[in-house]
N, C-alpha and C. Protein backbone atom coordinates (compact mmCIF):
# COMPACT_ATOMS: atom_id res chain seq x y z
N MET A 1 -9.06 -10.06 -25.60
CA MET A 1 -8.46 -8.75 -25.71
C MET A 1 -7.58 -8.51 -24.48
N ASN A 2 -6.33 -8.18 -24.71
CA ASN A 2 -5.37 -7.96 -23.64
C ASN A 2 -5.26 -6.47 -23.37
N GLU A 3 -5.71 -6.04 -22.19
CA GLU A 3 -5.65 -4.63 -21.85
C GLU A 3 -4.63 -4.43 -20.74
N GLU A 4 -3.88 -3.35 -20.83
CA GLU A 4 -2.93 -2.98 -19.78
C GLU A 4 -3.55 -1.88 -18.95
N PHE A 5 -3.45 -2.02 -17.65
CA PHE A 5 -3.96 -1.02 -16.73
C PHE A 5 -2.80 -0.41 -15.98
N GLY A 6 -2.91 0.87 -15.68
CA GLY A 6 -1.88 1.54 -14.91
C GLY A 6 -2.04 1.26 -13.43
N PRO A 7 -1.10 1.75 -12.65
CA PRO A 7 -1.15 1.50 -11.21
C PRO A 7 -2.30 2.29 -10.56
N ASP A 8 -2.77 1.78 -9.42
CA ASP A 8 -3.76 2.50 -8.63
C ASP A 8 -3.02 3.56 -7.82
N ILE A 9 -3.40 4.81 -8.00
CA ILE A 9 -2.76 5.93 -7.33
C ILE A 9 -3.65 6.38 -6.17
N VAL A 10 -3.03 6.60 -5.01
CA VAL A 10 -3.75 6.98 -3.80
C VAL A 10 -3.14 8.26 -3.26
N SER A 11 -4.00 9.22 -2.91
CA SER A 11 -3.56 10.46 -2.29
C SER A 11 -3.86 10.39 -0.80
N VAL A 12 -2.86 10.66 0.02
CA VAL A 12 -3.02 10.62 1.47
C VAL A 12 -2.60 11.98 2.03
N THR A 13 -3.47 12.57 2.84
CA THR A 13 -3.14 13.83 3.49
C THR A 13 -2.75 13.54 4.93
N ASP A 14 -1.56 14.01 5.32
CA ASP A 14 -1.09 13.73 6.68
C ASP A 14 -1.69 14.71 7.68
N GLU A 15 -1.31 14.55 8.96
CA GLU A 15 -1.89 15.37 10.02
C GLU A 15 -1.52 16.85 9.89
N ASP A 16 -0.49 17.17 9.09
CA ASP A 16 -0.10 18.56 8.87
C ASP A 16 -0.78 19.15 7.63
N GLY A 17 -1.65 18.37 6.98
CA GLY A 17 -2.36 18.84 5.79
C GLY A 17 -1.56 18.71 4.50
N VAL A 18 -0.43 18.01 4.55
CA VAL A 18 0.42 17.82 3.37
C VAL A 18 -0.04 16.58 2.62
N GLU A 19 -0.24 16.74 1.32
CA GLU A 19 -0.70 15.62 0.49
C GLU A 19 0.50 14.81 -0.01
N HIS A 20 0.39 13.49 0.08
CA HIS A 20 1.41 12.58 -0.41
C HIS A 20 0.74 11.62 -1.39
N ILE A 21 1.47 11.29 -2.47
CA ILE A 21 0.94 10.42 -3.51
C ILE A 21 1.64 9.07 -3.44
N PHE A 22 0.84 8.01 -3.49
CA PHE A 22 1.34 6.64 -3.39
C PHE A 22 0.78 5.78 -4.50
N GLU A 23 1.49 4.70 -4.80
CA GLU A 23 0.98 3.65 -5.67
C GLU A 23 0.55 2.50 -4.78
N GLU A 24 -0.64 1.98 -5.03
CA GLU A 24 -1.12 0.84 -4.26
C GLU A 24 -0.51 -0.44 -4.82
N LEU A 25 0.22 -1.14 -3.97
CA LEU A 25 0.84 -2.41 -4.38
C LEU A 25 -0.11 -3.57 -4.23
N ASP A 26 -0.88 -3.55 -3.15
CA ASP A 26 -1.76 -4.67 -2.85
C ASP A 26 -2.79 -4.24 -1.83
N ARG A 27 -3.86 -5.01 -1.75
CA ARG A 27 -4.88 -4.80 -0.72
C ARG A 27 -5.39 -6.15 -0.28
N ILE A 28 -5.75 -6.21 1.00
CA ILE A 28 -6.29 -7.46 1.53
C ILE A 28 -7.48 -7.17 2.43
N GLU A 29 -8.32 -8.18 2.56
CA GLU A 29 -9.40 -8.15 3.53
C GLU A 29 -9.29 -9.43 4.35
N THR A 30 -9.27 -9.30 5.65
CA THR A 30 -9.12 -10.45 6.53
C THR A 30 -10.47 -11.15 6.71
N ASP A 31 -10.42 -12.32 7.30
CA ASP A 31 -11.64 -13.10 7.52
C ASP A 31 -12.67 -12.35 8.36
N ASP A 32 -12.19 -11.47 9.24
CA ASP A 32 -13.12 -10.72 10.08
C ASP A 32 -13.56 -9.39 9.45
N GLY A 33 -13.26 -9.20 8.15
CA GLY A 33 -13.76 -8.05 7.41
C GLY A 33 -12.90 -6.80 7.47
N LYS A 34 -11.75 -6.85 8.12
CA LYS A 34 -10.86 -5.69 8.17
C LYS A 34 -10.10 -5.59 6.86
N LYS A 35 -9.90 -4.34 6.41
CA LYS A 35 -9.24 -4.10 5.13
C LYS A 35 -7.95 -3.32 5.34
N TYR A 36 -6.95 -3.66 4.49
CA TYR A 36 -5.63 -3.04 4.58
C TYR A 36 -5.09 -2.81 3.18
N VAL A 37 -4.18 -1.82 3.05
CA VAL A 37 -3.51 -1.56 1.79
C VAL A 37 -2.01 -1.45 2.02
N ALA A 38 -1.25 -1.84 1.01
CA ALA A 38 0.20 -1.67 1.01
C ALA A 38 0.52 -0.65 -0.08
N LEU A 39 1.22 0.43 0.30
CA LEU A 39 1.50 1.54 -0.60
C LEU A 39 2.99 1.82 -0.67
N ILE A 40 3.44 2.34 -1.82
CA ILE A 40 4.80 2.88 -1.93
C ILE A 40 4.68 4.30 -2.44
N PRO A 41 5.56 5.19 -1.97
CA PRO A 41 5.47 6.58 -2.41
C PRO A 41 5.85 6.75 -3.87
N ILE A 42 5.23 7.75 -4.48
CA ILE A 42 5.57 8.15 -5.85
C ILE A 42 6.25 9.51 -5.73
N TYR A 43 7.39 9.65 -6.35
CA TYR A 43 8.16 10.89 -6.27
C TYR A 43 8.17 11.60 -7.61
N ASP A 44 8.11 12.92 -7.55
CA ASP A 44 8.21 13.75 -8.76
C ASP A 44 9.66 14.02 -9.13
N ASP A 45 10.51 14.04 -8.14
CA ASP A 45 11.90 14.44 -8.31
C ASP A 45 12.80 13.21 -8.22
N GLU A 46 13.72 13.06 -9.18
CA GLU A 46 14.62 11.92 -9.17
C GLU A 46 15.47 11.89 -7.90
N GLU A 47 15.81 13.06 -7.37
CA GLU A 47 16.60 13.14 -6.15
C GLU A 47 15.87 12.47 -4.99
N GLU A 48 14.55 12.67 -4.91
CA GLU A 48 13.76 12.05 -3.85
C GLU A 48 13.77 10.53 -3.97
N ILE A 49 13.77 10.04 -5.20
CA ILE A 49 13.80 8.59 -5.42
C ILE A 49 15.10 8.01 -4.87
N LEU A 50 16.21 8.69 -5.14
CA LEU A 50 17.50 8.21 -4.68
C LEU A 50 17.62 8.27 -3.16
N ASP A 51 16.98 9.26 -2.53
CA ASP A 51 17.02 9.40 -1.07
C ASP A 51 16.06 8.46 -0.36
N SER A 52 15.13 7.88 -1.10
CA SER A 52 14.11 7.01 -0.51
C SER A 52 14.73 5.70 -0.05
N ASP A 53 14.18 5.17 1.06
CA ASP A 53 14.66 3.87 1.54
C ASP A 53 13.80 2.72 1.04
N GLY A 54 12.79 3.02 0.21
CA GLY A 54 11.98 1.99 -0.42
C GLY A 54 10.99 1.31 0.49
N ASP A 55 10.66 1.94 1.60
CA ASP A 55 9.72 1.33 2.54
C ASP A 55 8.31 1.26 1.97
N VAL A 56 7.64 0.20 2.33
CA VAL A 56 6.23 0.03 1.98
C VAL A 56 5.41 0.52 3.16
N LEU A 57 4.40 1.33 2.89
CA LEU A 57 3.51 1.85 3.92
C LEU A 57 2.29 0.96 3.99
N ILE A 58 2.00 0.43 5.18
CA ILE A 58 0.84 -0.43 5.38
C ILE A 58 -0.16 0.31 6.24
N LEU A 59 -1.36 0.48 5.71
CA LEU A 59 -2.40 1.23 6.40
C LEU A 59 -3.69 0.42 6.49
N LYS A 60 -4.47 0.72 7.49
CA LYS A 60 -5.78 0.10 7.68
C LYS A 60 -6.82 0.99 7.00
N VAL A 61 -7.81 0.38 6.37
CA VAL A 61 -8.89 1.11 5.72
C VAL A 61 -10.09 1.10 6.67
N LEU A 62 -10.54 2.30 7.02
CA LEU A 62 -11.73 2.44 7.85
C LEU A 62 -12.80 3.15 7.04
N GLU A 63 -14.04 2.74 7.22
CA GLU A 63 -15.16 3.39 6.53
C GLU A 63 -15.99 4.14 7.56
N GLU A 64 -16.26 5.40 7.25
CA GLU A 64 -17.07 6.23 8.13
C GLU A 64 -17.97 7.11 7.26
N ASN A 65 -19.28 6.99 7.47
CA ASN A 65 -20.26 7.76 6.70
C ASN A 65 -20.08 7.58 5.20
N GLY A 66 -19.79 6.36 4.78
CA GLY A 66 -19.65 6.06 3.36
C GLY A 66 -18.31 6.48 2.75
N GLU A 67 -17.43 7.05 3.55
CA GLU A 67 -16.11 7.48 3.09
C GLU A 67 -15.05 6.52 3.62
N ASN A 68 -14.03 6.23 2.79
CA ASN A 68 -12.92 5.41 3.23
C ASN A 68 -11.78 6.29 3.72
N TYR A 69 -11.21 5.90 4.84
CA TYR A 69 -10.07 6.60 5.41
C TYR A 69 -8.94 5.62 5.64
N LEU A 70 -7.72 6.06 5.40
CA LEU A 70 -6.54 5.25 5.66
C LEU A 70 -5.92 5.72 6.96
N VAL A 71 -5.68 4.78 7.87
CA VAL A 71 -5.12 5.12 9.17
C VAL A 71 -3.96 4.18 9.50
N GLN A 72 -3.06 4.68 10.33
CA GLN A 72 -1.95 3.85 10.78
C GLN A 72 -2.48 2.73 11.67
N ILE A 73 -1.77 1.61 11.65
CA ILE A 73 -2.12 0.48 12.51
C ILE A 73 -1.38 0.69 13.83
N GLU A 74 -2.13 0.95 14.87
CA GLU A 74 -1.55 1.27 16.17
C GLU A 74 -1.05 0.03 16.91
N ASP A 75 -1.75 -1.08 16.78
CA ASP A 75 -1.41 -2.30 17.50
C ASP A 75 -0.23 -3.00 16.83
N GLU A 76 0.87 -3.20 17.58
CA GLU A 76 2.09 -3.77 17.01
C GLU A 76 1.87 -5.20 16.51
N LYS A 77 1.12 -6.00 17.26
CA LYS A 77 0.84 -7.38 16.85
C LYS A 77 0.06 -7.40 15.53
N GLU A 78 -0.99 -6.58 15.46
CA GLU A 78 -1.79 -6.49 14.23
C GLU A 78 -0.91 -6.05 13.06
N PHE A 79 -0.08 -5.02 13.28
CA PHE A 79 0.80 -4.51 12.23
C PHE A 79 1.74 -5.61 11.73
N ASN A 80 2.35 -6.34 12.65
CA ASN A 80 3.28 -7.40 12.25
C ASN A 80 2.58 -8.51 11.49
N GLU A 81 1.40 -8.92 11.93
CA GLU A 81 0.65 -9.96 11.24
C GLU A 81 0.29 -9.53 9.81
N ILE A 82 -0.22 -8.32 9.67
CA ILE A 82 -0.62 -7.82 8.35
C ILE A 82 0.62 -7.60 7.49
N GLY A 83 1.69 -7.08 8.08
CA GLY A 83 2.93 -6.88 7.34
C GLY A 83 3.47 -8.18 6.78
N ASN A 84 3.41 -9.25 7.58
CA ASN A 84 3.88 -10.56 7.11
C ASN A 84 3.02 -11.09 5.96
N ILE A 85 1.72 -10.87 6.04
CA ILE A 85 0.82 -11.30 4.96
C ILE A 85 1.18 -10.57 3.67
N PHE A 86 1.33 -9.23 3.75
CA PHE A 86 1.69 -8.46 2.56
C PHE A 86 3.05 -8.89 2.01
N GLU A 87 4.02 -9.11 2.90
CA GLU A 87 5.34 -9.51 2.46
C GLU A 87 5.29 -10.82 1.67
N ASP A 88 4.58 -11.80 2.20
CA ASP A 88 4.44 -13.08 1.50
C ASP A 88 3.75 -12.92 0.15
N ARG A 89 2.67 -12.13 0.14
CA ARG A 89 1.92 -11.93 -1.11
C ARG A 89 2.76 -11.19 -2.16
N LEU A 90 3.51 -10.17 -1.74
CA LEU A 90 4.31 -9.41 -2.70
C LEU A 90 5.47 -10.23 -3.23
N ILE A 91 6.11 -11.02 -2.37
CA ILE A 91 7.19 -11.90 -2.83
C ILE A 91 6.65 -12.87 -3.86
N GLU A 92 5.51 -13.49 -3.56
CA GLU A 92 4.89 -14.45 -4.48
C GLU A 92 4.53 -13.77 -5.80
N LYS A 93 3.94 -12.59 -5.73
CA LYS A 93 3.52 -11.86 -6.94
C LYS A 93 4.70 -11.54 -7.84
N TYR A 94 5.79 -11.02 -7.26
CA TYR A 94 6.92 -10.61 -8.08
C TYR A 94 7.76 -11.79 -8.53
N GLU A 95 7.73 -12.90 -7.81
CA GLU A 95 8.39 -14.11 -8.29
C GLU A 95 7.68 -14.64 -9.53
N LYS A 96 6.34 -14.62 -9.50
CA LYS A 96 5.57 -15.08 -10.66
C LYS A 96 5.83 -14.20 -11.87
N GLU A 97 5.88 -12.87 -11.65
CA GLU A 97 6.10 -11.94 -12.75
C GLU A 97 7.49 -12.16 -13.36
N SER A 98 8.50 -12.39 -12.52
CA SER A 98 9.85 -12.59 -13.06
C SER A 98 9.94 -13.92 -13.81
N GLU A 99 9.17 -14.92 -13.42
CA GLU A 99 9.15 -16.20 -14.13
C GLU A 99 8.50 -16.06 -15.50
N GLU A 100 7.55 -15.15 -15.63
CA GLU A 100 6.84 -14.97 -16.89
C GLU A 100 7.65 -14.20 -17.91
N GLU A 101 8.68 -13.49 -17.47
CA GLU A 101 9.49 -12.67 -18.40
C GLU A 101 10.44 -13.48 -19.20
């Protein structure tokens, strides 16, 4: 049975209390147990889509008291390493999808 699933939608509240909605592109867990997600914003207004620069947001997943929190990666080296992993994985994923079409 072939089932289609929709995208994983994530709500993130910023430090000003404003809620932003994202689609989860990918998630990884490193060998040392750290978790990360790659997100792209979802826009309600077509104008916002045109103004967007298409950046992918990469966040670290932290667990506290059984709750998951998404936080910015403060360490530049860590951010670059994780960003490169996501970039490679996303390129590979979308190359495979375009080959299947």
